[in-house]
C-alpha cells in the first residue's frame, strides 16, 4: 500500500488561498489524501442536523467544519 504525499499534515497552520473563505487561517484537523481534502479549524463552517441520542440529548442543528480541496490551502511557517 503506497502513501500519497501531501504538502500539509495534521496540526499544520494553513491559510485558505481560494474560494469563498479566502484569507482565513487555522489548524489542519484532518487530511484525506485519497480525496484531496483537508479540514481546517474554523475554515469552512457548515450546519448539520443532529438527531437526539445519548451523546447529543438535545439534537438540533450543529455547526461543523467542512472539507476544503488541498490545492486551496497554503502552509504557513
N, C-alpha and C. Protein backbone atom coordinates (compact mmCIF):
# COMPACT_ATOMS: atom_id res chain seq x y z
N UNK A 1 0.84 -1.17 0.00
CA UNK A 1 0.00 0.00 0.00
C UNK A 1 0.90 1.24 0.00
N UNK A 2 0.79 2.06 -1.02
CA UNK A 2 1.63 3.26 -1.10
C UNK A 2 0.91 4.45 -0.47
N UNK A 3 1.70 5.34 0.09
CA UNK A 3 1.18 6.55 0.72
C UNK A 3 1.16 7.69 -0.27
N UNK A 4 0.11 8.50 -0.23
CA UNK A 4 0.02 9.66 -1.10
C UNK A 4 0.64 10.84 -0.36
N UNK A 5 1.59 11.51 -1.01
CA UNK A 5 2.30 12.62 -0.39
C UNK A 5 1.48 13.90 -0.51
N UNK A 6 1.40 14.66 0.59
CA UNK A 6 0.70 15.94 0.60
C UNK A 6 1.63 17.00 1.19
N UNK A 7 1.35 18.27 0.88
CA UNK A 7 2.20 19.35 1.39
C UNK A 7 1.78 19.83 2.77
N UNK A 8 0.61 19.40 3.26
CA UNK A 8 0.17 19.75 4.60
C UNK A 8 -0.15 18.48 5.38
N UNK A 9 0.00 18.57 6.69
CA UNK A 9 -0.26 17.43 7.56
C UNK A 9 -1.10 17.89 8.74
N UNK A 10 -1.66 16.96 9.47
CA UNK A 10 -2.47 17.26 10.63
C UNK A 10 -1.66 18.08 11.64
N UNK A 11 -2.24 19.18 12.12
CA UNK A 11 -1.57 20.05 13.09
C UNK A 11 -0.84 21.23 12.48
N UNK A 12 -0.72 21.30 11.15
CA UNK A 12 -0.06 22.42 10.48
C UNK A 12 -0.95 23.66 10.50
N UNK A 13 -0.32 24.83 10.53
CA UNK A 13 -1.03 26.10 10.42
C UNK A 13 -1.12 26.43 8.93
N UNK A 14 -2.34 26.67 8.42
CA UNK A 14 -2.54 26.94 6.99
C UNK A 14 -3.41 28.18 6.79
N UNK A 15 -3.36 28.68 5.55
CA UNK A 15 -4.22 29.79 5.12
C UNK A 15 -4.97 29.34 3.89
N UNK A 16 -6.26 29.68 3.80
CA UNK A 16 -7.07 29.35 2.63
C UNK A 16 -6.80 30.42 1.58
N UNK A 17 -6.41 29.97 0.37
CA UNK A 17 -5.99 30.92 -0.67
C UNK A 17 -6.98 31.05 -1.82
N UNK A 18 -8.08 30.27 -1.80
CA UNK A 18 -9.06 30.34 -2.89
C UNK A 18 -10.45 30.00 -2.36
N UNK A 19 -11.47 30.49 -3.05
CA UNK A 19 -12.84 30.18 -2.69
C UNK A 19 -13.48 31.25 -1.83
N UNK A 20 -14.68 30.96 -1.33
CA UNK A 20 -15.45 31.92 -0.53
C UNK A 20 -14.79 32.25 0.80
N UNK A 21 -13.97 31.35 1.31
CA UNK A 21 -13.37 31.53 2.63
C UNK A 21 -11.91 31.96 2.53
N UNK A 22 -11.56 32.60 1.42
CA UNK A 22 -10.19 33.05 1.15
C UNK A 22 -9.70 33.98 2.26
N UNK A 23 -8.47 33.74 2.72
CA UNK A 23 -7.85 34.58 3.73
C UNK A 23 -7.94 34.05 5.14
N UNK A 24 -8.85 33.10 5.41
CA UNK A 24 -8.97 32.54 6.75
C UNK A 24 -7.77 31.66 7.07
N UNK A 25 -7.39 31.65 8.34
CA UNK A 25 -6.27 30.83 8.79
C UNK A 25 -6.74 29.90 9.89
N UNK A 26 -6.07 28.75 10.02
CA UNK A 26 -6.41 27.81 11.08
C UNK A 26 -5.54 26.58 11.05
N UNK A 27 -5.78 25.69 12.00
CA UNK A 27 -5.04 24.44 12.10
C UNK A 27 -5.72 23.36 11.27
N UNK A 28 -4.93 22.47 10.69
CA UNK A 28 -5.47 21.34 9.95
C UNK A 28 -5.90 20.28 10.97
N UNK A 29 -7.19 19.93 10.95
CA UNK A 29 -7.71 18.92 11.86
C UNK A 29 -7.56 17.52 11.29
N UNK A 30 -7.72 17.37 9.96
CA UNK A 30 -7.54 16.07 9.32
C UNK A 30 -7.23 16.25 7.85
N UNK A 31 -6.58 15.23 7.28
CA UNK A 31 -6.21 15.23 5.86
C UNK A 31 -6.71 13.93 5.24
N UNK A 32 -7.46 14.04 4.14
CA UNK A 32 -7.89 12.87 3.38
C UNK A 32 -7.16 12.95 2.04
N UNK A 33 -6.02 12.28 1.95
CA UNK A 33 -5.16 12.38 0.77
C UNK A 33 -5.79 11.72 -0.45
N UNK A 34 -6.55 10.66 -0.28
CA UNK A 34 -7.15 9.99 -1.44
C UNK A 34 -8.19 10.86 -2.11
N UNK A 35 -8.95 11.62 -1.34
CA UNK A 35 -9.94 12.54 -1.90
C UNK A 35 -9.36 13.92 -2.18
N UNK A 36 -8.16 14.20 -1.64
CA UNK A 36 -7.53 15.50 -1.83
C UNK A 36 -8.21 16.59 -1.03
N UNK A 37 -8.63 16.27 0.21
CA UNK A 37 -9.35 17.23 1.03
C UNK A 37 -8.68 17.40 2.38
N UNK A 38 -8.81 18.58 2.95
CA UNK A 38 -8.37 18.86 4.31
C UNK A 38 -9.51 19.53 5.06
N UNK A 39 -9.52 19.37 6.38
CA UNK A 39 -10.49 20.06 7.22
C UNK A 39 -9.70 21.03 8.08
N UNK A 40 -10.01 22.33 7.92
CA UNK A 40 -9.32 23.40 8.63
C UNK A 40 -10.24 23.91 9.73
N UNK A 41 -9.69 24.08 10.92
CA UNK A 41 -10.45 24.56 12.07
C UNK A 41 -10.97 25.97 11.79
N UNK A 42 -12.29 26.12 11.76
CA UNK A 42 -12.92 27.42 11.51
C UNK A 42 -12.82 27.87 10.06
N UNK A 43 -12.39 27.00 9.16
CA UNK A 43 -12.17 27.37 7.77
C UNK A 43 -13.41 27.44 6.92
N UNK A 44 -14.27 26.45 7.05
CA UNK A 44 -15.50 26.39 6.25
C UNK A 44 -16.63 25.86 7.11
N UNK A 45 -17.26 26.72 7.91
CA UNK A 45 -18.34 26.25 8.79
C UNK A 45 -19.55 25.79 8.00
N UNK A 46 -20.12 24.67 8.43
CA UNK A 46 -21.31 24.10 7.80
C UNK A 46 -22.31 23.74 8.90
N UNK A 47 -23.58 23.75 8.57
CA UNK A 47 -24.63 23.36 9.51
C UNK A 47 -24.99 21.90 9.26
N UNK A 48 -25.19 21.14 10.33
CA UNK A 48 -25.55 19.73 10.20
C UNK A 48 -26.68 19.42 11.17
N UNK A 49 -27.72 18.75 10.69
CA UNK A 49 -28.83 18.34 11.55
C UNK A 49 -28.40 17.11 12.34
N UNK A 50 -28.62 17.16 13.66
CA UNK A 50 -28.21 16.07 14.54
C UNK A 50 -29.44 15.51 15.24
N UNK A 51 -29.61 14.17 15.16
CA UNK A 51 -30.71 13.50 15.83
C UNK A 51 -30.45 13.42 17.33
N UNK A 52 -31.52 13.28 18.10
CA UNK A 52 -31.36 13.09 19.53
C UNK A 52 -30.73 11.74 19.80
N UNK A 53 -29.79 11.71 20.73
CA UNK A 53 -29.15 10.47 21.13
C UNK A 53 -28.59 10.66 22.53
N UNK A 54 -27.94 9.63 23.07
CA UNK A 54 -27.32 9.78 24.39
C UNK A 54 -26.19 10.80 24.34
N UNK A 55 -25.45 10.79 23.23
CA UNK A 55 -24.33 11.72 23.08
C UNK A 55 -24.83 13.15 22.87
N UNK A 56 -25.88 13.34 22.10
CA UNK A 56 -26.48 14.66 21.82
C UNK A 56 -27.94 14.63 22.29
N UNK A 57 -28.20 14.83 23.59
CA UNK A 57 -29.57 14.70 24.08
C UNK A 57 -30.54 15.75 23.54
N UNK A 58 -30.05 16.92 23.16
CA UNK A 58 -30.93 17.96 22.64
C UNK A 58 -31.17 17.85 21.15
N UNK A 59 -30.23 17.25 20.42
CA UNK A 59 -30.35 17.19 18.97
C UNK A 59 -30.24 18.59 18.38
N UNK A 60 -30.91 18.83 17.25
CA UNK A 60 -30.93 20.16 16.66
C UNK A 60 -29.90 20.35 15.57
N UNK A 61 -29.51 21.60 15.34
CA UNK A 61 -28.57 21.94 14.28
C UNK A 61 -27.22 22.29 14.90
N UNK A 62 -26.17 21.65 14.40
CA UNK A 62 -24.82 21.79 14.94
C UNK A 62 -23.91 22.36 13.86
N UNK A 63 -22.96 23.19 14.25
CA UNK A 63 -22.00 23.75 13.30
C UNK A 63 -20.73 22.90 13.29
N UNK A 64 -20.32 22.44 12.09
CA UNK A 64 -19.12 21.63 11.95
C UNK A 64 -18.20 22.27 10.91
N UNK A 65 -16.95 21.83 10.86
CA UNK A 65 -16.01 22.31 9.85
C UNK A 65 -16.08 21.41 8.62
N UNK A 66 -16.25 22.01 7.45
CA UNK A 66 -16.36 21.25 6.22
C UNK A 66 -15.02 21.10 5.52
N UNK A 67 -14.94 20.17 4.56
CA UNK A 67 -13.68 19.93 3.84
C UNK A 67 -13.39 21.01 2.80
N UNK A 68 -12.09 21.20 2.53
CA UNK A 68 -11.60 22.14 1.51
C UNK A 68 -10.62 21.37 0.65
N UNK A 69 -10.59 21.64 -0.64
CA UNK A 69 -9.64 20.95 -1.51
C UNK A 69 -8.22 21.33 -1.11
N UNK A 70 -7.33 20.36 -1.15
CA UNK A 70 -5.97 20.54 -0.66
C UNK A 70 -5.18 21.58 -1.46
N UNK A 71 -5.57 21.81 -2.71
CA UNK A 71 -4.88 22.81 -3.52
C UNK A 71 -5.26 24.24 -3.14
N UNK A 72 -6.30 24.40 -2.34
CA UNK A 72 -6.77 25.72 -1.96
C UNK A 72 -6.23 26.17 -0.61
N UNK A 73 -5.27 25.44 -0.05
CA UNK A 73 -4.66 25.85 1.21
C UNK A 73 -3.14 25.99 1.04
N UNK A 74 -2.57 26.93 1.82
CA UNK A 74 -1.14 27.20 1.79
C UNK A 74 -0.60 27.04 3.20
N UNK A 75 0.48 26.30 3.33
CA UNK A 75 1.10 26.08 4.64
C UNK A 75 1.82 27.36 5.07
N UNK A 76 1.64 27.73 6.33
CA UNK A 76 2.29 28.91 6.89
C UNK A 76 3.46 28.47 7.77
N UNK A 77 4.55 29.19 7.68
CA UNK A 77 5.70 28.94 8.54
C UNK A 77 6.44 27.74 8.26
